[in-house]
Amino acid sequence: MGAGGPDEEDNRWPPWLKPLLKEQFFVQCKHHVDFHKSECNMFCLDCVNGALCSFCLAYHKDHRYIQIRRSSYHDVIRVSEIQKYLDISGVQTYIINSAKIVFLNERPQPRPGKGVTNTCEVCDRSLVDSFRFCSLGCKIVGSCHEKINNKVQSFRPSTPPPTRTAKRRKGIPHRAPMGGLIIEY
């Protein structure tokens, strides 16, 4: 922790940021179950009452809210929306559907690619050289632990993509030296 202790860390970030990163989006709104397209993909920065659907916004007319989007089964937010309320410097940005976005939480990466010289300071995901973190969640964790020079757990477990059952081809069978058959899987 920083020199100021836990209270300083709590004041370092807006009060809505940690609840935003913990929230589960893209679920059916419990208040508008009978409405078509009532998926919760909005978040009010003033109320911090959880994920909202577009119908809920009628109760938040004069509030600041942001829209969460999905990319590869992970929650993202447009840079143009979040940078009004939060310093996202050091977080890797991506272009998806012609919009610059950042990921809310880390995404698993089994191992860095060949020739990777820069990785996220928290989760080791491959990054472009000028960035320090792969997501907003990793920035919080990394910033809270800057004085401690070791890897730490991410703020929230990332959403795993759905598993696919891909058909895998077997390799070419090879003969063992003594005439037995070895089959590669």
N, C-alpha and C. Protein backbone atom coordinates (compact mmCIF):
# COMPACT_ATOMS: atom_id res chain seq x y z
N MET A 1 0.83 -1.17 0.00
CA MET A 1 0.00 0.00 0.00
C MET A 1 0.88 1.24 0.00
N GLY A 2 0.28 2.36 -0.35
CA GLY A 2 1.01 3.62 -0.38
C GLY A 2 1.36 4.07 1.02
N ALA A 3 2.11 5.13 1.09
CA ALA A 3 2.57 5.64 2.38
C ALA A 3 1.41 6.14 3.23
N GLY A 4 0.30 6.53 2.61
CA GLY A 4 -0.83 7.08 3.34
C GLY A 4 -1.74 6.04 3.95
N GLY A 5 -1.58 4.78 3.63
CA GLY A 5 -2.41 3.72 4.21
C GLY A 5 -3.69 3.48 3.43
N PRO A 6 -4.61 2.66 3.99
CA PRO A 6 -5.81 2.26 3.29
C PRO A 6 -6.74 3.41 2.93
N ASP A 7 -6.83 4.44 3.79
CA ASP A 7 -7.72 5.56 3.48
C ASP A 7 -7.29 6.29 2.22
N GLU A 8 -5.97 6.45 2.04
CA GLU A 8 -5.46 7.11 0.85
C GLU A 8 -5.81 6.29 -0.39
N GLU A 9 -5.70 4.97 -0.31
CA GLU A 9 -6.03 4.12 -1.46
C GLU A 9 -7.50 4.23 -1.82
N ASP A 10 -8.38 4.32 -0.81
CA ASP A 10 -9.80 4.44 -1.09
C ASP A 10 -10.13 5.74 -1.81
N ASN A 11 -9.40 6.82 -1.51
CA ASN A 11 -9.64 8.12 -2.13
C ASN A 11 -8.93 8.29 -3.46
N ARG A 12 -8.08 7.36 -3.81
CA ARG A 12 -7.31 7.46 -5.05
C ARG A 12 -8.20 7.26 -6.28
N TRP A 13 -9.24 6.48 -6.14
CA TRP A 13 -10.13 6.14 -7.25
C TRP A 13 -11.53 6.67 -6.98
N PRO A 14 -12.30 6.97 -8.03
CA PRO A 14 -13.69 7.39 -7.80
C PRO A 14 -14.47 6.27 -7.11
N PRO A 15 -15.45 6.61 -6.28
CA PRO A 15 -16.18 5.59 -5.52
C PRO A 15 -16.95 4.60 -6.40
N TRP A 16 -17.19 4.94 -7.65
CA TRP A 16 -17.96 4.06 -8.54
C TRP A 16 -17.08 3.05 -9.28
N LEU A 17 -15.76 3.22 -9.26
CA LEU A 17 -14.90 2.38 -10.10
C LEU A 17 -14.86 0.91 -9.66
N LYS A 18 -14.61 0.66 -8.40
CA LYS A 18 -14.54 -0.75 -7.96
C LYS A 18 -15.89 -1.45 -8.12
N PRO A 19 -17.03 -0.82 -7.76
CA PRO A 19 -18.32 -1.48 -8.03
C PRO A 19 -18.55 -1.74 -9.53
N LEU A 20 -18.10 -0.83 -10.39
CA LEU A 20 -18.22 -1.03 -11.83
C LEU A 20 -17.48 -2.29 -12.26
N LEU A 21 -16.25 -2.46 -11.77
CA LEU A 21 -15.43 -3.60 -12.18
C LEU A 21 -15.95 -4.92 -11.63
N LYS A 22 -16.68 -4.88 -10.52
CA LYS A 22 -17.22 -6.11 -9.94
C LYS A 22 -18.58 -6.48 -10.53
N GLU A 23 -19.22 -5.54 -11.19
CA GLU A 23 -20.60 -5.74 -11.67
C GLU A 23 -20.66 -6.78 -12.80
N GLN A 24 -21.76 -7.50 -12.82
CA GLN A 24 -22.02 -8.45 -13.91
C GLN A 24 -23.00 -7.81 -14.88
N PHE A 25 -22.57 -7.64 -16.11
CA PHE A 25 -23.38 -7.00 -17.13
C PHE A 25 -23.96 -8.04 -18.08
N PHE A 26 -24.85 -7.61 -18.93
CA PHE A 26 -25.47 -8.42 -19.97
C PHE A 26 -26.31 -9.55 -19.40
N VAL A 27 -27.02 -9.21 -18.32
CA VAL A 27 -28.01 -10.12 -17.74
C VAL A 27 -29.37 -9.44 -17.87
N GLN A 28 -30.43 -10.21 -17.77
CA GLN A 28 -31.79 -9.68 -17.85
C GLN A 28 -32.06 -8.74 -16.68
N CYS A 29 -32.64 -7.58 -16.94
CA CYS A 29 -32.97 -6.62 -15.89
C CYS A 29 -34.07 -7.19 -15.01
N LYS A 30 -33.86 -7.18 -13.71
CA LYS A 30 -34.86 -7.74 -12.80
C LYS A 30 -36.07 -6.83 -12.65
N HIS A 31 -35.95 -5.55 -13.03
CA HIS A 31 -37.06 -4.61 -12.93
C HIS A 31 -37.90 -4.55 -14.21
N HIS A 32 -37.34 -4.98 -15.33
CA HIS A 32 -38.01 -4.88 -16.62
C HIS A 32 -38.00 -6.23 -17.34
N VAL A 33 -38.37 -7.25 -16.63
CA VAL A 33 -38.33 -8.62 -17.16
C VAL A 33 -39.24 -8.78 -18.39
N ASP A 34 -40.37 -8.09 -18.38
CA ASP A 34 -41.34 -8.25 -19.46
C ASP A 34 -41.06 -7.38 -20.68
N PHE A 35 -40.02 -6.57 -20.61
CA PHE A 35 -39.69 -5.68 -21.71
C PHE A 35 -38.71 -6.36 -22.66
N HIS A 36 -38.90 -6.11 -23.96
CA HIS A 36 -37.98 -6.62 -24.97
C HIS A 36 -36.69 -5.79 -24.92
N LYS A 37 -35.57 -6.42 -25.06
CA LYS A 37 -34.25 -5.78 -25.04
C LYS A 37 -33.99 -5.05 -23.73
N SER A 38 -34.18 -5.74 -22.62
CA SER A 38 -33.91 -5.14 -21.32
C SER A 38 -32.66 -5.74 -20.68
N GLU A 39 -31.63 -5.88 -21.49
CA GLU A 39 -30.35 -6.40 -21.02
C GLU A 39 -29.59 -5.30 -20.30
N CYS A 40 -28.98 -5.61 -19.17
CA CYS A 40 -28.27 -4.62 -18.36
C CYS A 40 -26.87 -4.38 -18.91
N ASN A 41 -26.70 -3.24 -19.58
CA ASN A 41 -25.39 -2.89 -20.12
C ASN A 41 -25.03 -1.43 -19.86
N MET A 42 -25.72 -0.81 -18.87
CA MET A 42 -25.46 0.57 -18.49
C MET A 42 -25.07 0.61 -17.02
N PHE A 43 -24.36 1.68 -16.63
CA PHE A 43 -23.94 1.81 -15.24
C PHE A 43 -23.99 3.29 -14.87
N CYS A 44 -24.72 3.61 -13.81
CA CYS A 44 -24.84 4.99 -13.33
C CYS A 44 -23.69 5.29 -12.38
N LEU A 45 -22.92 6.30 -12.71
CA LEU A 45 -21.77 6.67 -11.88
C LEU A 45 -22.18 7.43 -10.63
N ASP A 46 -23.39 7.97 -10.62
CA ASP A 46 -23.86 8.75 -9.48
C ASP A 46 -24.56 7.89 -8.42
N CYS A 47 -25.27 6.87 -8.86
CA CYS A 47 -26.02 6.02 -7.92
C CYS A 47 -25.24 4.80 -7.46
N VAL A 48 -24.48 4.20 -8.37
CA VAL A 48 -23.72 2.98 -8.11
C VAL A 48 -24.64 1.91 -7.54
N ASN A 49 -25.79 1.72 -8.19
CA ASN A 49 -26.76 0.71 -7.76
C ASN A 49 -26.73 -0.55 -8.60
N GLY A 50 -25.67 -0.77 -9.33
CA GLY A 50 -25.57 -1.97 -10.15
C GLY A 50 -25.85 -1.68 -11.62
N ALA A 51 -25.87 -2.75 -12.39
CA ALA A 51 -26.09 -2.65 -13.83
C ALA A 51 -27.53 -2.23 -14.12
N LEU A 52 -27.69 -1.45 -15.16
CA LEU A 52 -29.00 -0.94 -15.55
C LEU A 52 -29.29 -1.31 -17.00
N CYS A 53 -30.58 -1.40 -17.33
CA CYS A 53 -30.97 -1.56 -18.73
C CYS A 53 -31.37 -0.19 -19.27
N SER A 54 -31.64 -0.09 -20.55
CA SER A 54 -31.98 1.20 -21.14
C SER A 54 -33.29 1.76 -20.57
N PHE A 55 -34.20 0.89 -20.11
CA PHE A 55 -35.45 1.36 -19.52
C PHE A 55 -35.22 1.97 -18.13
N CYS A 56 -34.22 1.49 -17.42
CA CYS A 56 -33.89 2.03 -16.09
C CYS A 56 -33.38 3.47 -16.17
N LEU A 57 -32.83 3.86 -17.31
CA LEU A 57 -32.23 5.18 -17.44
C LEU A 57 -33.24 6.32 -17.25
N ALA A 58 -34.54 6.03 -17.40
CA ALA A 58 -35.56 7.05 -17.18
C ALA A 58 -35.50 7.58 -15.75
N TYR A 59 -35.00 6.77 -14.83
CA TYR A 59 -34.88 7.17 -13.42
C TYR A 59 -33.52 7.81 -13.11
N HIS A 60 -32.69 7.97 -14.12
CA HIS A 60 -31.34 8.52 -13.95
C HIS A 60 -31.09 9.65 -14.95
N LYS A 61 -32.13 10.43 -15.26
CA LYS A 61 -32.05 11.44 -16.33
C LYS A 61 -30.90 12.43 -16.17
N ASP A 62 -30.70 12.94 -14.97
CA ASP A 62 -29.66 13.96 -14.76
C ASP A 62 -28.36 13.38 -14.20
N HIS A 63 -28.19 12.08 -14.31
CA HIS A 63 -27.01 11.42 -13.77
C HIS A 63 -25.99 11.14 -14.87
N ARG A 64 -24.78 10.88 -14.42
CA ARG A 64 -23.72 10.45 -15.35
C ARG A 64 -23.80 8.93 -15.47
N TYR A 65 -23.88 8.42 -16.68
CA TYR A 65 -23.90 6.97 -16.87
C TYR A 65 -23.05 6.61 -18.08
N ILE A 66 -22.63 5.37 -18.11
CA ILE A 66 -21.79 4.86 -19.19
C ILE A 66 -22.38 3.57 -19.72
N GLN A 67 -22.05 3.26 -20.95
CA GLN A 67 -22.52 2.02 -21.57
C GLN A 67 -21.38 1.02 -21.66
N ILE A 68 -21.65 -0.18 -21.22
CA ILE A 68 -20.68 -1.26 -21.30
C ILE A 68 -20.97 -2.06 -22.56
N ARG A 69 -19.96 -2.48 -23.24
CA ARG A 69 -20.11 -3.26 -24.47
C ARG A 69 -19.36 -4.58 -24.30
N ARG A 70 -19.51 -5.47 -25.28
CA ARG A 70 -18.84 -6.77 -25.22
C ARG A 70 -17.91 -6.92 -26.41
N SER A 71 -16.76 -7.53 -26.14
CA SER A 71 -15.83 -7.89 -27.18
C SER A 71 -15.18 -9.20 -26.79
N SER A 72 -15.32 -10.19 -27.62
CA SER A 72 -14.75 -11.51 -27.34
C SER A 72 -15.13 -11.99 -25.94
N TYR A 73 -16.39 -11.84 -25.60
CA TYR A 73 -16.95 -12.31 -24.32
C TYR A 73 -16.43 -11.55 -23.11
N HIS A 74 -15.86 -10.37 -23.29
CA HIS A 74 -15.34 -9.57 -22.19
C HIS A 74 -15.97 -8.19 -22.22
N ASP A 75 -16.11 -7.60 -21.04
CA ASP A 75 -16.70 -6.27 -20.92
C ASP A 75 -15.68 -5.20 -21.30
N VAL A 76 -16.12 -4.26 -22.14
CA VAL A 76 -15.28 -3.15 -22.58
C VAL A 76 -16.07 -1.86 -22.48
N ILE A 77 -15.36 -0.75 -22.55
CA ILE A 77 -15.99 0.56 -22.57
C ILE A 77 -15.24 1.43 -23.57
N ARG A 78 -15.97 2.28 -24.24
CA ARG A 78 -15.33 3.18 -25.20
C ARG A 78 -14.47 4.20 -24.45
N VAL A 79 -13.30 4.45 -25.00
CA VAL A 79 -12.38 5.42 -24.42
C VAL A 79 -13.05 6.80 -24.36
N SER A 80 -13.80 7.15 -25.39
CA SER A 80 -14.45 8.47 -25.43
C SER A 80 -15.42 8.66 -24.27
N GLU A 81 -15.99 7.58 -23.73
CA GLU A 81 -16.89 7.69 -22.59
C GLU A 81 -16.15 7.71 -21.26
N ILE A 82 -15.24 6.79 -21.06
CA ILE A 82 -14.60 6.63 -19.74
C ILE A 82 -13.56 7.72 -19.46
N GLN A 83 -12.90 8.23 -20.48
CA GLN A 83 -11.85 9.22 -20.21
C GLN A 83 -12.41 10.55 -19.72
N LYS A 84 -13.72 10.76 -19.81
CA LYS A 84 -14.35 11.95 -19.24
C LYS A 84 -14.32 11.90 -17.71
N TYR A 85 -14.29 10.68 -17.16
CA TYR A 85 -14.44 10.49 -15.72
C TYR A 85 -13.24 9.85 -15.04
N LEU A 86 -12.31 9.31 -15.82
CA LEU A 86 -11.22 8.52 -15.23
C LEU A 86 -9.95 8.65 -16.06
N ASP A 87 -8.83 8.75 -15.39
CA ASP A 87 -7.52 8.76 -16.06
C ASP A 87 -7.19 7.32 -16.47
N ILE A 88 -7.16 7.08 -17.76
CA ILE A 88 -6.88 5.72 -18.25
C ILE A 88 -5.46 5.60 -18.81
N SER A 89 -4.60 6.56 -18.49
CA SER A 89 -3.23 6.50 -18.99
C SER A 89 -2.57 5.21 -18.51
N GLY A 90 -1.79 4.62 -19.38
CA GLY A 90 -1.10 3.38 -19.04
C GLY A 90 -1.89 2.13 -19.36
N VAL A 91 -3.18 2.27 -19.69
CA VAL A 91 -4.02 1.11 -20.02
C VAL A 91 -4.06 0.94 -21.53
N GLN A 92 -3.79 -0.26 -22.00
CA GLN A 92 -3.78 -0.54 -23.43
C GLN A 92 -5.16 -0.30 -24.03
N THR A 93 -5.20 0.39 -25.16
CA THR A 93 -6.44 0.61 -25.88
C THR A 93 -6.44 -0.26 -27.13
N TYR A 94 -7.63 -0.54 -27.61
CA TYR A 94 -7.81 -1.36 -28.81
C TYR A 94 -8.85 -0.68 -29.69
N ILE A 95 -8.81 -0.96 -30.99
CA ILE A 95 -9.84 -0.47 -31.90
C ILE A 95 -10.73 -1.65 -32.24
N ILE A 96 -12.03 -1.51 -31.90
CA ILE A 96 -13.01 -2.54 -32.20
C ILE A 96 -14.23 -1.87 -32.80
N ASN A 97 -14.63 -2.31 -33.97
CA ASN A 97 -15.76 -1.70 -34.70
C ASN A 97 -15.58 -0.19 -34.83
N SER A 98 -14.41 0.23 -35.22
CA SER A 98 -14.05 1.63 -35.45
C SER A 98 -14.07 2.50 -34.20
N ALA A 99 -14.13 1.91 -33.03
CA ALA A 99 -14.12 2.68 -31.78
C ALA A 99 -12.95 2.25 -30.92
N LYS A 100 -12.31 3.21 -30.28
CA LYS A 100 -11.21 2.90 -29.36
C LYS A 100 -11.82 2.49 -28.03
N ILE A 101 -11.39 1.34 -27.49
CA ILE A 101 -11.96 0.80 -26.25
C ILE A 101 -10.86 0.39 -25.29
N VAL A 102 -11.25 0.18 -24.02
CA VAL A 102 -10.40 -0.45 -23.02
C VAL A 102 -11.21 -1.57 -22.37
N PHE A 103 -10.53 -2.60 -21.92
CA PHE A 103 -11.18 -3.70 -21.22
C PHE A 103 -11.35 -3.33 -19.76
N LEU A 104 -12.47 -3.77 -19.17
CA LEU A 104 -12.71 -3.48 -17.76
C LEU A 104 -11.82 -4.33 -16.87
N ASN A 105 -11.72 -5.61 -17.17
CA ASN A 105 -10.94 -6.54 -16.34
C ASN A 105 -10.00 -7.35 -17.19
N GLU A 106 -9.04 -7.97 -16.54
CA GLU A 106 -8.03 -8.75 -17.26
C GLU A 106 -8.65 -9.89 -18.05
N ARG A 107 -7.94 -10.31 -19.08
CA ARG A 107 -8.35 -11.45 -19.89
C ARG A 107 -7.25 -12.49 -19.82
N PRO A 108 -7.62 -13.74 -19.65
CA PRO A 108 -6.56 -14.75 -19.53
C PRO A 108 -5.76 -14.88 -20.82
N GLN A 109 -4.47 -15.11 -20.64
CA GLN A 109 -3.58 -15.38 -21.78
C GLN A 109 -2.64 -16.48 -21.33
N PRO A 110 -2.70 -17.65 -21.97
CA PRO A 110 -1.90 -18.78 -21.51
C PRO A 110 -0.40 -18.48 -21.42
N ARG A 111 0.13 -17.81 -22.41
CA ARG A 111 1.56 -17.47 -22.38
C ARG A 111 1.79 -16.33 -23.39
N PRO A 112 2.76 -15.48 -23.12
CA PRO A 112 3.05 -14.39 -24.05
C PRO A 112 3.53 -14.92 -25.39
N GLY A 113 3.25 -14.18 -26.44
CA GLY A 113 3.68 -14.57 -27.77
C GLY A 113 5.19 -14.44 -27.93
N LYS A 114 5.69 -14.99 -29.02
CA LYS A 114 7.13 -14.92 -29.28
C LYS A 114 7.55 -13.47 -29.51
N GLY A 115 8.67 -13.10 -28.95
CA GLY A 115 9.21 -11.77 -29.15
C GLY A 115 8.53 -10.69 -28.35
N VAL A 116 7.67 -11.04 -27.41
CA VAL A 116 6.98 -10.04 -26.60
C VAL A 116 7.98 -9.42 -25.62
N THR A 117 8.04 -8.10 -25.62
CA THR A 117 8.98 -7.41 -24.74
C THR A 117 8.28 -6.64 -23.63
N ASN A 118 6.96 -6.48 -23.72
CA ASN A 118 6.23 -5.73 -22.70
C ASN A 118 4.97 -6.49 -22.31
N THR A 119 4.76 -6.64 -21.01
CA THR A 119 3.56 -7.33 -20.53
C THR A 119 2.90 -6.51 -19.42
N CYS A 120 1.64 -6.81 -19.17
CA CYS A 120 0.88 -6.15 -18.10
C CYS A 120 1.61 -6.38 -16.78
N GLU A 121 1.71 -5.33 -15.98
CA GLU A 121 2.43 -5.42 -14.70
C GLU A 121 1.71 -6.29 -13.68
N VAL A 122 0.44 -6.61 -13.93
CA VAL A 122 -0.32 -7.41 -12.98
C VAL A 122 -0.51 -8.84 -13.47
N CYS A 123 -0.95 -9.02 -14.71
CA CYS A 123 -1.33 -10.37 -15.17
C CYS A 123 -0.44 -10.94 -16.27
N ASP A 124 0.58 -10.20 -16.70
CA ASP A 124 1.53 -10.66 -17.72
C ASP A 124 0.96 -10.80 -19.12
N ARG A 125 -0.18 -10.20 -19.41
CA ARG A 125 -0.71 -10.23 -20.77
C ARG A 125 0.20 -9.39 -21.68
N SER A 126 0.39 -9.84 -22.92
CA SER A 126 1.22 -9.11 -23.88
C SER A 126 0.62 -7.74 -24.18
N LEU A 127 1.48 -6.72 -24.20
CA LEU A 127 1.04 -5.35 -24.46
C LEU A 127 1.92 -4.69 -25.49
N VAL A 128 1.40 -3.62 -26.08
CA VAL A 128 2.20 -2.74 -26.91
C VAL A 128 3.16 -2.02 -25.96
N ASP A 129 4.35 -1.70 -26.43
CA ASP A 129 5.42 -1.19 -25.57
C ASP A 129 5.07 0.00 -24.68
N SER A 130 4.21 0.88 -25.11
CA SER A 130 3.97 2.11 -24.34
C SER A 130 2.96 1.95 -23.21
N PHE A 131 2.38 0.77 -23.03
CA PHE A 131 1.35 0.57 -22.00
C PHE A 131 1.87 -0.26 -20.83
N ARG A 132 1.22 -0.06 -19.65
CA ARG A 132 1.61 -0.78 -18.44
C ARG A 132 0.59 -1.82 -18.01
N PHE A 133 -0.69 -1.60 -18.37
CA PHE A 133 -1.78 -2.46 -17.91
C PHE A 133 -2.67 -2.86 -19.08
N CYS A 134 -3.28 -4.05 -18.96
CA CYS A 134 -4.16 -4.54 -20.02
C CYS A 134 -5.61 -4.13 -19.82
N SER A 135 -5.96 -3.65 -18.61
CA SER A 135 -7.35 -3.32 -18.30
C SER A 135 -7.42 -2.32 -17.16
N LEU A 136 -8.62 -1.77 -16.95
CA LEU A 136 -8.82 -0.86 -15.82
C LEU A 136 -8.61 -1.58 -14.49
N GLY A 137 -9.09 -2.82 -14.39
CA GLY A 137 -8.91 -3.60 -13.17
C GLY A 137 -7.45 -3.83 -12.83
N CYS A 138 -6.65 -4.13 -13.84
CA CYS A 138 -5.21 -4.33 -13.59
C CYS A 138 -4.54 -3.02 -13.19
N LYS A 139 -5.02 -1.88 -13.73
CA LYS A 139 -4.44 -0.60 -13.34
C LYS A 139 -4.70 -0.33 -11.86
N ILE A 140 -5.89 -0.63 -11.37
CA ILE A 140 -6.18 -0.43 -9.95
C ILE A 140 -5.28 -1.30 -9.10
N VAL A 141 -5.21 -2.57 -9.44
CA VAL A 141 -4.38 -3.50 -8.65
C VAL A 141 -2.92 -3.09 -8.72
N GLY A 142 -2.44 -2.78 -9.91
CA GLY A 142 -1.04 -2.41 -10.07
C GLY A 142 -0.70 -1.11 -9.38
N SER A 143 -1.60 -0.15 -9.43
CA SER A 143 -1.35 1.14 -8.79
C SER A 143 -1.40 1.03 -7.27
N CYS A 144 -2.27 0.15 -6.77
CA CYS A 144 -2.36 -0.03 -5.32
C CYS A 144 -1.15 -0.78 -4.77
N HIS A 145 -0.44 -1.47 -5.62
CA HIS A 145 0.69 -2.28 -5.18
C HIS A 145 2.01 -1.85 -5.83
N GLU A 146 2.09 -0.58 -6.25
CA GLU A 146 3.30 -0.11 -6.93
C GLU A 146 4.56 -0.26 -6.09
N LYS A 147 4.44 -0.08 -4.80
CA LYS A 147 5.62 -0.16 -3.93
C LYS A 147 6.08 -1.61 -3.72
N ILE A 148 5.17 -2.55 -3.94
CA ILE A 148 5.49 -3.97 -3.78
C ILE A 148 5.82 -4.52 -5.17
N ASN A 149 7.03 -4.96 -5.37
CA ASN A 149 7.44 -5.33 -6.73
C ASN A 149 7.25 -6.80 -7.02
N ASN A 150 6.01 -7.29 -6.84
CA ASN A 150 5.72 -8.66 -7.22
C ASN A 150 4.36 -8.74 -7.87
N LYS A 151 4.06 -9.84 -8.49
CA LYS A 151 2.78 -10.02 -9.17
C LYS A 151 1.69 -10.24 -8.14
N VAL A 152 0.52 -9.68 -8.38
CA VAL A 152 -0.59 -9.77 -7.44
C VAL A 152 -1.82 -10.31 -8.15
N GLN A 153 -2.79 -10.74 -7.37
CA GLN A 153 -4.04 -11.24 -7.94
C GLN A 153 -4.79 -10.10 -8.61
N SER A 154 -5.51 -10.40 -9.66
CA SER A 154 -6.29 -9.39 -10.35
C SER A 154 -7.46 -8.95 -9.49
N PHE A 155 -8.05 -7.81 -9.87
CA PHE A 155 -9.14 -7.24 -9.09
C PHE A 155 -10.35 -8.15 -9.10
N ARG A 156 -10.65 -8.71 -10.24
CA ARG A 156 -11.81 -9.58 -10.39
C ARG A 156 -11.46 -10.66 -11.39
N PRO A 157 -11.91 -11.88 -11.17
CA PRO A 157 -11.64 -12.90 -12.18
C PRO A 157 -12.31 -12.51 -13.48
N SER A 158 -11.61 -12.68 -14.56
CA SER A 158 -12.18 -12.31 -15.85
C SER A 158 -13.23 -13.33 -16.27
N THR A 159 -14.06 -12.92 -17.20
CA THR A 159 -15.11 -13.79 -17.70
C THR A 159 -14.51 -14.75 -18.70
N PRO A 160 -14.59 -16.05 -18.45
CA PRO A 160 -14.01 -16.98 -19.42
C PRO A 160 -14.92 -17.10 -20.64
N PRO A 161 -14.34 -17.25 -21.82
CA PRO A 161 -15.17 -17.45 -22.99
C PRO A 161 -15.83 -18.82 -22.93
N PRO A 162 -16.97 -18.99 -23.61
CA PRO A 162 -17.60 -20.30 -23.60
C PRO A 162 -16.68 -21.33 -24.24
N THR A 163 -16.72 -22.52 -23.71
CA THR A 163 -15.85 -23.57 -24.25
C THR A 163 -16.43 -24.10 -25.56
N ARG A 164 -15.54 -24.36 -26.47
CA ARG A 164 -15.95 -24.92 -27.76
C ARG A 164 -15.41 -26.34 -27.84
N THR A 165 -16.17 -27.17 -28.45
CA THR A 165 -15.69 -28.53 -28.66
C THR A 165 -15.24 -28.64 -30.11
N ALA A 166 -13.99 -28.32 -30.31
CA ALA A 166 -13.44 -28.39 -31.66
C ALA A 166 -13.03 -29.83 -31.96
N LYS A 167 -13.27 -30.25 -33.18
CA LYS A 167 -12.85 -31.60 -33.57
C LYS A 167 -11.36 -31.54 -33.86
N ARG A 168 -10.61 -32.34 -33.15
CA ARG A 168 -9.18 -32.37 -33.32
C ARG A 168 -8.78 -33.60 -34.10
N ARG A 169 -7.95 -33.43 -35.08
CA ARG A 169 -7.52 -34.56 -35.90
C ARG A 169 -6.40 -35.30 -35.20
N LYS A 170 -6.44 -36.57 -35.34
CA LYS A 170 -5.36 -37.39 -34.79
C LYS A 170 -4.16 -37.30 -35.72
N GLY A 171 -2.99 -37.48 -35.15
CA GLY A 171 -1.78 -37.46 -35.95
C GLY A 171 -1.65 -38.73 -36.79
N ILE A 172 -0.62 -38.77 -37.58
CA ILE A 172 -0.35 -39.93 -38.42
C ILE A 172 0.20 -41.03 -37.54
N PRO A 173 -0.38 -42.25 -37.63
CA PRO A 173 0.15 -43.34 -36.81
C PRO A 173 1.59 -43.68 -37.22
N HIS A 174 2.42 -43.97 -36.24
CA HIS A 174 3.81 -44.34 -36.50
C HIS A 174 4.07 -45.72 -35.91
N ARG A 175 4.93 -46.46 -36.56
CA ARG A 175 5.28 -47.80 -36.07
C ARG A 175 6.35 -47.68 -35.00
N ALA A 176 6.19 -48.44 -33.96
CA ALA A 176 7.21 -48.51 -32.92
C ALA A 176 8.37 -49.34 -33.44
N PRO A 177 9.55 -49.17 -32.86
CA PRO A 177 10.73 -49.90 -33.34
C PRO A 177 10.54 -51.41 -33.35
N MET A 178 9.77 -51.96 -32.43
CA MET A 178 9.61 -53.41 -32.36
C MET A 178 8.36 -53.89 -33.06
N GLY A 179 7.78 -53.10 -33.95
CA GLY A 179 6.64 -53.55 -34.73
C GLY A 179 5.29 -53.20 -34.14
N GLY A 180 5.23 -52.66 -32.92
CA GLY A 180 3.95 -52.25 -32.33
C GLY A 180 3.48 -50.95 -32.97
N LEU A 181 2.25 -50.64 -32.79
CA LEU A 181 1.67 -49.43 -33.36
C LEU A 181 1.52 -48.37 -32.28
N ILE A 182 2.03 -47.15 -32.54
CA ILE A 182 1.87 -46.03 -31.62
C ILE A 182 0.93 -45.05 -32.31
N ILE A 183 -0.08 -44.65 -31.60
CA ILE A 183 -1.04 -43.70 -32.17
C ILE A 183 -0.88 -42.37 -31.44
N GLU A 184 -0.72 -41.28 -32.21
CA GLU A 184 -0.59 -39.95 -31.63
C GLU A 184 -1.98 -39.34 -31.46
N TYR A 185 -2.19 -38.68 -30.35
CA TYR A 185 -3.47 -38.02 -30.10
C TYR A 185 -3.30 -36.53 -30.14
